[in-house]
Amino acid sequence: MTEPLSGNPYFACILTRANVDRQFQLVIPRSFYPELPAATVPAALSCGNKTWVVSYLGDREQRRFDGRWRDFAVDHRLKVGDACVFELMHGGGSLNFKVQILDGSVPSSPVAAASDDGSSSDFPITID
């Protein structure tokens, strides 16, 4: 279930193998760098009623979360094609991100995508 964003800065990413497999790396988009410190600081990833503590590695050429991102990814069974929205929440001494997960599963056939109201994958979903 997703919730509306609260107006805080956010970034989104569609997960690749590097995010959810052996490497478990989540690199922050360069466009989001101005919102974050150029230092390594504690960060919290909140999803549902639980929080995962990671480090934000902001003093690197590619800013990213440390290896503890793996715990978040494994706990949520994230897979290639899923998307995550990281909303930077204000307050507290560390970086706090509210994370929303969007399931990237694609139906194997249009028949599997049809619903009770007759709609199917022939009618795309538009996201504004």
C-alpha atoms as a PDB file:
ATOM      1  CA  MET A   1       0.000   0.000   0.000  1.00  0.00           C
ATOM      2  CA  THR A   2       1.358   3.423  -0.901  1.00  0.00           C
ATOM      3  CA  GLU A   3       0.681   6.723   0.788  1.00  0.00           C
ATOM      4  CA  PRO A   4       0.765  10.265  -0.588  1.00  0.00           C
ATOM      5  CA  LEU A   5       4.088  12.052  -0.284  1.00  0.00           C
ATOM      6  CA  SER A   6       4.147  14.808   2.320  1.00  0.00           C
ATOM      7  CA  GLY A   7       5.923  17.420   0.193  1.00  0.00           C
ATOM      8  CA  ASN A   8       9.431  16.618   1.435  1.00  0.00           C
ATOM      9  CA  PRO A   9      12.283  15.964  -1.016  1.00  0.00           C
ATOM     10  CA  TYR A  10      12.325  12.406  -2.356  1.00  0.00           C
ATOM     11  CA  PHE A  11      13.986  10.166  -4.888  1.00  0.00           C
ATOM     12  CA  ALA A  12      12.768   6.968  -6.461  1.00  0.00           C
ATOM     13  CA  CYS A  13      14.569   4.050  -8.031  1.00  0.00           C
ATOM     14  CA  ILE A  14      13.663   0.897  -9.882  1.00  0.00           C
ATOM     15  CA  LEU A  15      15.707  -1.880  -8.359  1.00  0.00           C
ATOM     16  CA  THR A  16      18.349  -3.744 -10.329  1.00  0.00           C
ATOM     17  CA  ARG A  17      20.375  -6.860  -9.534  1.00  0.00           C
ATOM     18  CA  ALA A  18      23.068  -4.724  -7.888  1.00  0.00           C
ATOM     19  CA  ASN A  19      20.463  -3.456  -5.400  1.00  0.00           C
ATOM     20  CA  VAL A  20      18.950  -6.798  -4.400  1.00  0.00           C
ATOM     21  CA  ASP A  21      21.567  -9.455  -5.087  1.00  0.00           C
ATOM     22  CA  ARG A  22      25.127 -10.253  -4.087  1.00  0.00           C
ATOM     23  CA  GLN A  23      26.349  -6.605  -3.979  1.00  0.00           C
ATOM     24  CA  PHE A  24      23.302  -5.087  -2.261  1.00  0.00           C
ATOM     25  CA  GLN A  25      24.279  -1.520  -3.175  1.00  0.00           C
ATOM     26  CA  LEU A  26      21.855   1.368  -3.346  1.00  0.00           C
ATOM     27  CA  VAL A  27      23.415   4.444  -4.943  1.00  0.00           C
ATOM     28  CA  ILE A  28      21.683   7.783  -4.406  1.00  0.00           C
ATOM     29  CA  PRO A  29      20.891   9.703  -7.635  1.00  0.00           C
ATOM     30  CA  ARG A  30      23.210  12.693  -8.204  1.00  0.00           C
ATOM     31  CA  SER A  31      20.200  14.966  -8.563  1.00  0.00           C
ATOM     32  CA  PHE A  32      19.457  14.318  -4.866  1.00  0.00           C
ATOM     33  CA  TYR A  33      22.970  15.174  -3.588  1.00  0.00           C
ATOM     34  CA  PRO A  34      22.073  18.820  -2.733  1.00  0.00           C
ATOM     35  CA  GLU A  35      19.566  17.526  -0.163  1.00  0.00           C
ATOM     36  CA  LEU A  36      22.172  15.451   1.689  1.00  0.00           C
ATOM     37  CA  PRO A  37      25.427  16.096   3.572  1.00  0.00           C
ATOM     38  CA  ALA A  38      28.804  15.338   1.991  1.00  0.00           C
ATOM     39  CA  ALA A  39      29.732  13.169   4.982  1.00  0.00           C
ATOM     40  CA  THR A  40      29.057   9.721   6.381  1.00  0.00           C
ATOM     41  CA  VAL A  41      26.145   9.980   8.802  1.00  0.00           C
ATOM     42  CA  PRO A  42      23.592   7.634  10.386  1.00  0.00           C
ATOM     43  CA  ALA A  43      20.390   7.130   8.429  1.00  0.00           C
ATOM     44  CA  ALA A  44      17.104   5.436   9.199  1.00  0.00           C
ATOM     45  CA  LEU A  45      14.890   3.706   6.651  1.00  0.00           C
ATOM     46  CA  SER A  46      11.303   3.482   7.913  1.00  0.00           C
ATOM     47  CA  CYS A  47       8.737   1.286   6.233  1.00  0.00           C
ATOM     48  CA  GLY A  48       5.522   0.252   7.898  1.00  0.00           C
ATOM     49  CA  ASN A  49       6.024   0.170  11.643  1.00  0.00           C
ATOM     50  CA  LYS A  50       9.699  -0.798  11.543  1.00  0.00           C
ATOM     51  CA  THR A  51      12.974   1.093  11.104  1.00  0.00           C
ATOM     52  CA  TRP A  52      16.309  -0.129   9.737  1.00  0.00           C
ATOM     53  CA  VAL A  53      19.470   1.744  10.699  1.00  0.00           C
ATOM     54  CA  VAL A  54      22.084   2.192   7.979  1.00  0.00           C
ATOM     55  CA  SER A  55      24.875   4.634   7.249  1.00  0.00           C
ATOM     56  CA  TYR A  56      24.640   7.133   4.432  1.00  0.00           C
ATOM     57  CA  LEU A  57      28.060   7.297   2.769  1.00  0.00           C
ATOM     58  CA  GLY A  58      28.050  10.883   1.541  1.00  0.00           C
ATOM     59  CA  ASP A  59      31.812  11.321   1.371  1.00  0.00           C
ATOM     60  CA  ARG A  60      32.221   9.001  -1.627  1.00  0.00           C
ATOM     61  CA  GLU A  61      32.182   9.700  -5.350  1.00  0.00           C
ATOM     62  CA  GLN A  62      28.982   7.666  -5.564  1.00  0.00           C
ATOM     63  CA  ARG A  63      26.908   8.419  -2.492  1.00  0.00           C
ATOM     64  CA  ARG A  64      25.043   5.401  -1.187  1.00  0.00           C
ATOM     65  CA  PHE A  65      23.782   3.449   1.795  1.00  0.00           C
ATOM     66  CA  ASP A  66      26.215   1.062   3.478  1.00  0.00           C
ATOM     67  CA  GLY A  67      25.967  -2.736   3.440  1.00  0.00           C
ATOM     68  CA  ARG A  68      23.191  -2.742   6.031  1.00  0.00           C
ATOM     69  CA  TRP A  69      20.880  -1.815   3.132  1.00  0.00           C
ATOM     70  CA  ARG A  70      20.962  -5.594   2.557  1.00  0.00           C
ATOM     71  CA  ASP A  71      18.922  -6.169   5.749  1.00  0.00           C
ATOM     72  CA  PHE A  72      16.163  -3.860   4.487  1.00  0.00           C
ATOM     73  CA  ALA A  73      16.163  -5.479   1.025  1.00  0.00           C
ATOM     74  CA  VAL A  74      16.079  -9.026   2.380  1.00  0.00           C
ATOM     75  CA  ASP A  75      13.435  -8.291   5.023  1.00  0.00           C
ATOM     76  CA  HIS A  76      11.142  -6.898   2.308  1.00  0.00           C
ATOM     77  CA  ARG A  77      12.009  -9.598  -0.239  1.00  0.00           C
ATOM     78  CA  LEU A  78      12.846  -6.882  -2.753  1.00  0.00           C
ATOM     79  CA  LYS A  79      13.443  -8.083  -6.288  1.00  0.00           C
ATOM     80  CA  VAL A  80      14.579  -6.740  -9.630  1.00  0.00           C
ATOM     81  CA  GLY A  81      11.885  -4.482 -11.071  1.00  0.00           C
ATOM     82  CA  ASP A  82      10.428  -3.383  -7.744  1.00  0.00           C
ATOM     83  CA  ALA A  83      10.574   0.344  -7.065  1.00  0.00           C
ATOM     84  CA  CYS A  84      11.319   2.255  -3.889  1.00  0.00           C
ATOM     85  CA  VAL A  85      10.465   5.843  -3.072  1.00  0.00           C
ATOM     86  CA  PHE A  86      12.727   7.404  -0.415  1.00  0.00           C
ATOM     87  CA  GLU A  87      11.165  10.495   1.145  1.00  0.00           C
ATOM     88  CA  LEU A  88      13.532  12.559   3.291  1.00  0.00           C
ATOM     89  CA  MET A  89      11.720  13.308   6.532  1.00  0.00           C
ATOM     90  CA  HIS A  90      12.788  16.349   8.531  1.00  0.00           C
ATOM     91  CA  GLY A  91      13.755  16.295  12.177  1.00  0.00           C
ATOM     92  CA  GLY A  92      16.141  14.321  14.327  1.00  0.00           C
ATOM     93  CA  GLY A  93      19.925  14.264  14.262  1.00  0.00           C
ATOM     94  CA  SER A  94      20.280  11.666  11.524  1.00  0.00           C
ATOM     95  CA  LEU A  95      18.848  11.286   8.063  1.00  0.00           C
ATOM     96  CA  ASN A  96      15.389   9.781   8.149  1.00  0.00           C
ATOM     97  CA  PHE A  97      13.787   8.295   5.059  1.00  0.00           C
ATOM     98  CA  LYS A  98      10.221   7.066   4.795  1.00  0.00           C
ATOM     99  CA  VAL A  99      10.383   4.277   2.231  1.00  0.00           C
ATOM    100  CA  GLN A 100       7.497   3.106   0.095  1.00  0.00           C
ATOM    101  CA  ILE A 101       7.830  -0.081  -1.932  1.00  0.00           C
ATOM    102  CA  LEU A 102       6.029  -0.651  -5.221  1.00  0.00           C
ATOM    103  CA  ASP A 103       5.832  -4.236  -6.422  1.00  0.00           C
ATOM    104  CA  GLY A 104       7.305  -4.542  -9.905  1.00  0.00           C
ATOM    105  CA  SER A 105       5.648  -7.842 -10.766  1.00  0.00           C
ATOM    106  CA  VAL A 106       4.334  -7.972 -14.305  1.00  0.00           C
ATOM    107  CA  PRO A 107       1.526 -10.408 -15.164  1.00  0.00           C
ATOM    108  CA  SER A 108       2.666 -13.260 -17.379  1.00  0.00           C
ATOM    109  CA  SER A 109      -0.269 -12.766 -19.750  1.00  0.00           C
ATOM    110  CA  PRO A 110      -3.047 -10.241 -20.420  1.00  0.00           C
ATOM    111  CA  VAL A 111      -5.592 -12.783 -19.211  1.00  0.00           C
ATOM    112  CA  ALA A 112      -3.907 -12.876 -15.819  1.00  0.00           C
ATOM    113  CA  ALA A 113      -4.122  -9.070 -15.683  1.00  0.00           C
ATOM    114  CA  ALA A 114      -7.856  -8.879 -16.406  1.00  0.00           C
ATOM    115  CA  SER A 115     -10.008  -7.815 -13.496  1.00  0.00           C
ATOM    116  CA  ASP A 116     -13.668  -8.318 -12.640  1.00  0.00           C
ATOM    117  CA  ASP A 117     -14.627  -5.053 -14.344  1.00  0.00           C
ATOM    118  CA  GLY A 118     -13.265  -6.236 -17.709  1.00  0.00           C
ATOM    119  CA  SER A 119     -10.187  -4.025 -17.737  1.00  0.00           C
ATOM    120  CA  SER A 120      -6.932  -5.583 -18.863  1.00  0.00           C
ATOM    121  CA  SER A 121      -3.345  -4.723 -19.682  1.00  0.00           C
ATOM    122  CA  ASP A 122      -4.650  -3.258 -22.971  1.00  0.00           C
ATOM    123  CA  PHE A 123      -5.504  -0.206 -20.893  1.00  0.00           C
ATOM    124  CA  PRO A 124      -2.309   1.163 -19.343  1.00  0.00           C
ATOM    125  CA  ILE A 125      -2.199   2.681 -15.895  1.00  0.00           C
ATOM    126  CA  THR A 126      -1.155   6.320 -15.991  1.00  0.00           C
ATOM    127  CA  ILE A 127       0.874   7.697 -13.105  1.00  0.00           C
ATOM    128  CA  ASP A 128       0.958  11.475 -12.824  1.00  0.00           C
END
